[in-house]
């Protein structure tokens, strides 16, 4: 995968919240992977819906987009796409670099 950093500009007022926010997204990846192993599409849809809701509020539009895509794929039981999206989310979180303004 591409190893270039993804720069995200975040309001300095959110600086204390961002590490916890990002840690929770890593936990979401673990939960998504667990749900995939048992074909729990309701859980996949729920986590995707949550990601869709929280990403933009913190300035992470990509998390919102990936969450929406995970939610949509879970609604049609598309496990292949869900796995690709989980990998994309993990890649994004590894590459994201925060610049506080």
N, C-alpha and C. Protein backbone atom coordinates (compact mmCIF):
# COMPACT_ATOMS: atom_id res chain seq x y z
N UNK A 1 0.84 -1.19 0.00
CA UNK A 1 0.00 0.00 0.00
C UNK A 1 0.88 1.25 0.00
N UNK A 2 0.28 2.33 -0.35
CA UNK A 2 0.95 3.62 -0.38
C UNK A 2 1.36 4.01 1.04
N UNK A 3 2.59 4.43 1.22
CA UNK A 3 3.07 4.78 2.56
C UNK A 3 3.19 6.29 2.77
N UNK A 4 2.71 7.09 1.82
CA UNK A 4 2.74 8.53 1.98
C UNK A 4 1.86 8.94 3.15
N UNK A 5 2.31 9.94 3.90
CA UNK A 5 1.51 10.45 5.01
C UNK A 5 0.28 11.17 4.47
N UNK A 6 -0.79 11.08 5.23
CA UNK A 6 -2.02 11.80 4.92
C UNK A 6 -2.13 12.90 5.98
N UNK A 7 -2.02 14.13 5.55
CA UNK A 7 -2.05 15.26 6.47
C UNK A 7 -3.51 15.67 6.70
N UNK A 8 -3.87 15.77 7.98
CA UNK A 8 -5.21 16.24 8.35
C UNK A 8 -5.03 17.42 9.29
N UNK A 9 -5.67 18.52 8.96
CA UNK A 9 -5.60 19.73 9.78
C UNK A 9 -6.76 19.72 10.77
N UNK A 10 -6.41 19.82 12.05
CA UNK A 10 -7.39 19.73 13.13
C UNK A 10 -7.27 20.99 14.00
N UNK A 11 -8.41 21.44 14.47
CA UNK A 11 -8.45 22.59 15.37
C UNK A 11 -7.68 22.25 16.65
N UNK A 12 -6.83 23.15 17.07
CA UNK A 12 -6.01 22.94 18.26
C UNK A 12 -6.88 22.66 19.50
N UNK A 13 -8.10 23.16 19.53
CA UNK A 13 -9.00 22.93 20.67
C UNK A 13 -9.32 21.44 20.84
N UNK A 14 -9.15 20.64 19.80
CA UNK A 14 -9.45 19.21 19.87
C UNK A 14 -8.23 18.36 20.19
N UNK A 15 -7.08 19.00 20.39
CA UNK A 15 -5.82 18.27 20.53
C UNK A 15 -5.85 17.21 21.63
N UNK A 16 -6.49 17.49 22.76
CA UNK A 16 -6.53 16.51 23.85
C UNK A 16 -7.44 15.33 23.52
N UNK A 17 -8.40 15.53 22.63
CA UNK A 17 -9.38 14.48 22.31
C UNK A 17 -8.92 13.54 21.20
N UNK A 18 -8.04 13.99 20.34
CA UNK A 18 -7.69 13.23 19.14
C UNK A 18 -7.01 11.89 19.44
N UNK A 19 -6.05 11.81 20.37
CA UNK A 19 -5.44 10.50 20.63
C UNK A 19 -6.47 9.44 21.06
N UNK A 20 -7.40 9.81 21.91
CA UNK A 20 -8.44 8.87 22.34
C UNK A 20 -9.35 8.52 21.16
N UNK A 21 -9.69 9.52 20.38
CA UNK A 21 -10.53 9.29 19.20
C UNK A 21 -9.86 8.27 18.27
N UNK A 22 -8.59 8.45 17.99
CA UNK A 22 -7.88 7.55 17.08
C UNK A 22 -7.71 6.16 17.70
N UNK A 23 -7.46 6.09 19.01
CA UNK A 23 -7.39 4.78 19.68
C UNK A 23 -8.71 4.03 19.54
N UNK A 24 -9.81 4.76 19.65
CA UNK A 24 -11.12 4.13 19.50
C UNK A 24 -11.35 3.62 18.08
N UNK A 25 -10.77 4.29 17.10
CA UNK A 25 -10.91 3.80 15.72
C UNK A 25 -10.13 2.51 15.53
N UNK A 26 -8.97 2.39 16.20
CA UNK A 26 -8.20 1.14 16.15
C UNK A 26 -9.04 0.02 16.77
N UNK A 27 -9.72 0.31 17.86
CA UNK A 27 -10.61 -0.68 18.49
C UNK A 27 -11.75 -1.04 17.53
N UNK A 28 -12.24 -0.04 16.80
CA UNK A 28 -13.29 -0.31 15.81
C UNK A 28 -12.80 -1.32 14.77
N UNK A 29 -11.56 -1.18 14.34
CA UNK A 29 -11.00 -2.12 13.36
C UNK A 29 -10.98 -3.53 13.94
N UNK A 30 -10.54 -3.65 15.18
CA UNK A 30 -10.53 -4.97 15.83
C UNK A 30 -11.95 -5.54 15.90
N UNK A 31 -12.92 -4.70 16.26
CA UNK A 31 -14.31 -5.16 16.35
C UNK A 31 -14.88 -5.51 14.98
N UNK A 32 -14.50 -4.76 13.96
CA UNK A 32 -14.94 -5.08 12.60
C UNK A 32 -14.39 -6.43 12.17
N UNK A 33 -13.11 -6.66 12.43
CA UNK A 33 -12.50 -7.93 12.05
C UNK A 33 -13.16 -9.10 12.78
N UNK A 34 -13.46 -8.90 14.05
CA UNK A 34 -14.15 -9.94 14.81
C UNK A 34 -15.54 -10.21 14.24
N UNK A 35 -16.24 -9.16 13.88
CA UNK A 35 -17.59 -9.32 13.32
C UNK A 35 -17.54 -10.03 11.97
N UNK A 36 -16.50 -9.77 11.19
CA UNK A 36 -16.34 -10.43 9.90
C UNK A 36 -16.19 -11.94 10.09
N UNK A 37 -15.44 -12.35 11.10
CA UNK A 37 -15.18 -13.78 11.28
C UNK A 37 -16.44 -14.57 11.58
N UNK A 38 -17.45 -13.91 12.12
CA UNK A 38 -18.71 -14.60 12.44
C UNK A 38 -19.87 -14.12 11.57
N UNK A 39 -19.52 -13.37 10.51
CA UNK A 39 -20.55 -12.84 9.59
C UNK A 39 -21.66 -12.09 10.31
N UNK A 40 -21.27 -11.26 11.28
CA UNK A 40 -22.23 -10.45 12.04
C UNK A 40 -22.48 -9.13 11.31
N UNK A 41 -23.36 -9.18 10.33
CA UNK A 41 -23.60 -8.01 9.48
C UNK A 41 -24.28 -6.88 10.24
N UNK A 42 -25.07 -7.20 11.26
CA UNK A 42 -25.69 -6.14 12.06
C UNK A 42 -24.62 -5.34 12.80
N UNK A 43 -23.65 -6.05 13.37
CA UNK A 43 -22.56 -5.36 14.07
C UNK A 43 -21.71 -4.57 13.09
N UNK A 44 -21.43 -5.15 11.93
CA UNK A 44 -20.66 -4.44 10.91
C UNK A 44 -21.38 -3.17 10.48
N UNK A 45 -22.67 -3.28 10.26
CA UNK A 45 -23.47 -2.12 9.86
C UNK A 45 -23.45 -1.06 10.96
N UNK A 46 -23.60 -1.50 12.20
CA UNK A 46 -23.62 -0.57 13.33
C UNK A 46 -22.29 0.17 13.49
N UNK A 47 -21.18 -0.55 13.40
CA UNK A 47 -19.87 0.10 13.52
C UNK A 47 -19.66 1.05 12.35
N UNK A 48 -20.02 0.62 11.14
CA UNK A 48 -19.91 1.50 9.98
C UNK A 48 -20.73 2.77 10.17
N UNK A 49 -21.93 2.62 10.70
CA UNK A 49 -22.81 3.77 10.94
C UNK A 49 -22.16 4.72 11.94
N UNK A 50 -21.57 4.17 13.00
CA UNK A 50 -20.90 4.98 14.00
C UNK A 50 -19.72 5.74 13.39
N UNK A 51 -18.91 5.04 12.60
CA UNK A 51 -17.77 5.69 11.94
C UNK A 51 -18.25 6.83 11.05
N UNK A 52 -19.33 6.59 10.33
CA UNK A 52 -19.89 7.61 9.45
C UNK A 52 -20.25 8.86 10.25
N UNK A 53 -20.74 8.63 11.47
CA UNK A 53 -21.19 9.75 12.29
C UNK A 53 -20.09 10.52 12.99
N UNK A 54 -19.01 9.85 13.37
CA UNK A 54 -18.00 10.52 14.20
C UNK A 54 -16.85 11.15 13.43
N UNK A 55 -16.54 10.64 12.26
CA UNK A 55 -15.34 11.09 11.56
C UNK A 55 -15.32 12.57 11.24
N UNK A 56 -16.36 13.04 10.59
CA UNK A 56 -16.40 14.43 10.13
C UNK A 56 -16.35 15.44 11.25
N UNK A 57 -16.96 15.11 12.39
CA UNK A 57 -17.00 16.03 13.51
C UNK A 57 -15.63 16.35 14.06
N UNK A 58 -14.70 15.43 13.86
CA UNK A 58 -13.32 15.64 14.33
C UNK A 58 -12.39 16.06 13.19
N UNK A 59 -12.92 16.15 11.99
CA UNK A 59 -12.11 16.58 10.86
C UNK A 59 -11.56 15.44 10.02
N UNK A 60 -12.06 14.24 10.22
CA UNK A 60 -11.59 13.07 9.49
C UNK A 60 -12.65 12.61 8.49
N UNK A 61 -12.76 13.33 7.41
CA UNK A 61 -13.79 13.03 6.41
C UNK A 61 -13.62 11.63 5.84
N UNK A 62 -12.40 11.15 5.71
CA UNK A 62 -12.16 9.82 5.16
C UNK A 62 -12.78 8.74 6.05
N UNK A 63 -12.71 8.92 7.37
CA UNK A 63 -13.33 7.96 8.29
C UNK A 63 -14.84 7.95 8.07
N UNK A 64 -15.43 9.12 7.88
CA UNK A 64 -16.86 9.21 7.59
C UNK A 64 -17.20 8.46 6.31
N UNK A 65 -16.42 8.68 5.28
CA UNK A 65 -16.68 8.03 3.99
C UNK A 65 -16.53 6.51 4.08
N UNK A 66 -15.47 6.06 4.73
CA UNK A 66 -15.26 4.62 4.86
C UNK A 66 -16.35 3.99 5.72
N UNK A 67 -16.77 4.69 6.76
CA UNK A 67 -17.85 4.19 7.60
C UNK A 67 -19.15 4.03 6.82
N UNK A 68 -19.46 5.02 5.99
CA UNK A 68 -20.67 4.95 5.17
C UNK A 68 -20.59 3.77 4.21
N UNK A 69 -19.42 3.55 3.65
CA UNK A 69 -19.23 2.44 2.71
C UNK A 69 -19.33 1.08 3.42
N UNK A 70 -18.78 1.00 4.64
CA UNK A 70 -18.89 -0.24 5.42
C UNK A 70 -20.35 -0.51 5.75
N UNK A 71 -21.05 0.52 6.18
CA UNK A 71 -22.47 0.36 6.50
C UNK A 71 -23.25 -0.13 5.28
N UNK A 72 -23.01 0.47 4.13
CA UNK A 72 -23.72 0.08 2.91
C UNK A 72 -23.39 -1.35 2.51
N UNK A 73 -22.12 -1.73 2.61
CA UNK A 73 -21.71 -3.08 2.23
C UNK A 73 -22.30 -4.12 3.20
N UNK A 74 -22.41 -3.76 4.47
CA UNK A 74 -22.99 -4.68 5.45
C UNK A 74 -24.47 -4.91 5.19
N UNK A 75 -25.15 -3.88 4.70
CA UNK A 75 -26.58 -4.01 4.41
C UNK A 75 -26.85 -5.03 3.31
N UNK A 76 -25.87 -5.25 2.43
CA UNK A 76 -26.05 -6.22 1.34
C UNK A 76 -25.14 -7.45 1.52
N UNK A 77 -24.61 -7.60 2.74
CA UNK A 77 -23.79 -8.76 3.09
C UNK A 77 -22.60 -8.96 2.15
N UNK A 78 -21.94 -7.87 1.78
CA UNK A 78 -20.80 -7.91 0.87
C UNK A 78 -19.50 -7.98 1.66
N UNK A 79 -19.15 -9.19 2.08
CA UNK A 79 -18.00 -9.38 2.96
C UNK A 79 -16.68 -9.02 2.28
N UNK A 80 -16.57 -9.25 0.99
CA UNK A 80 -15.34 -8.92 0.27
C UNK A 80 -15.08 -7.42 0.33
N UNK A 81 -16.09 -6.63 0.03
CA UNK A 81 -15.94 -5.17 0.09
C UNK A 81 -15.66 -4.71 1.52
N UNK A 82 -16.34 -5.31 2.48
CA UNK A 82 -16.11 -4.93 3.88
C UNK A 82 -14.65 -5.16 4.25
N UNK A 83 -14.10 -6.31 3.88
CA UNK A 83 -12.69 -6.58 4.18
C UNK A 83 -11.77 -5.55 3.53
N UNK A 84 -12.05 -5.18 2.29
CA UNK A 84 -11.25 -4.16 1.61
C UNK A 84 -11.34 -2.82 2.33
N UNK A 85 -12.54 -2.48 2.79
CA UNK A 85 -12.74 -1.21 3.50
C UNK A 85 -12.06 -1.20 4.86
N UNK A 86 -12.10 -2.34 5.55
CA UNK A 86 -11.38 -2.44 6.83
C UNK A 86 -9.89 -2.22 6.60
N UNK A 87 -9.35 -2.83 5.56
CA UNK A 87 -7.93 -2.64 5.22
C UNK A 87 -7.64 -1.19 4.87
N UNK A 88 -8.56 -0.54 4.16
CA UNK A 88 -8.39 0.88 3.82
C UNK A 88 -8.39 1.75 5.07
N UNK A 89 -9.29 1.44 6.01
CA UNK A 89 -9.35 2.19 7.25
C UNK A 89 -8.07 2.01 8.06
N UNK A 90 -7.59 0.78 8.14
CA UNK A 90 -6.34 0.52 8.87
C UNK A 90 -5.17 1.26 8.23
N UNK A 91 -5.12 1.22 6.91
CA UNK A 91 -4.06 1.93 6.18
C UNK A 91 -4.13 3.43 6.43
N UNK A 92 -5.34 3.96 6.39
CA UNK A 92 -5.54 5.40 6.64
C UNK A 92 -5.03 5.76 8.04
N UNK A 93 -5.41 4.98 9.04
CA UNK A 93 -5.01 5.30 10.41
C UNK A 93 -3.50 5.20 10.60
N UNK A 94 -2.86 4.30 9.88
CA UNK A 94 -1.40 4.18 9.97
C UNK A 94 -0.70 5.38 9.33
N UNK A 95 -1.31 5.94 8.32
CA UNK A 95 -0.65 6.99 7.54
C UNK A 95 -1.05 8.41 7.94
N UNK A 96 -2.14 8.55 8.68
CA UNK A 96 -2.63 9.89 9.00
C UNK A 96 -1.66 10.62 9.93
N UNK A 97 -1.45 11.87 9.62
CA UNK A 97 -0.60 12.73 10.43
C UNK A 97 -1.38 14.00 10.75
N UNK A 98 -1.47 14.32 12.02
CA UNK A 98 -2.28 15.44 12.47
C UNK A 98 -1.44 16.70 12.51
N UNK A 99 -1.99 17.78 11.96
CA UNK A 99 -1.39 19.10 12.09
C UNK A 99 -2.42 19.97 12.80
N UNK A 100 -2.07 20.42 14.00
CA UNK A 100 -3.00 21.24 14.78
C UNK A 100 -2.83 22.71 14.41
N UNK A 101 -3.97 23.37 14.26
CA UNK A 101 -3.94 24.78 13.87
C UNK A 101 -4.60 25.65 14.91
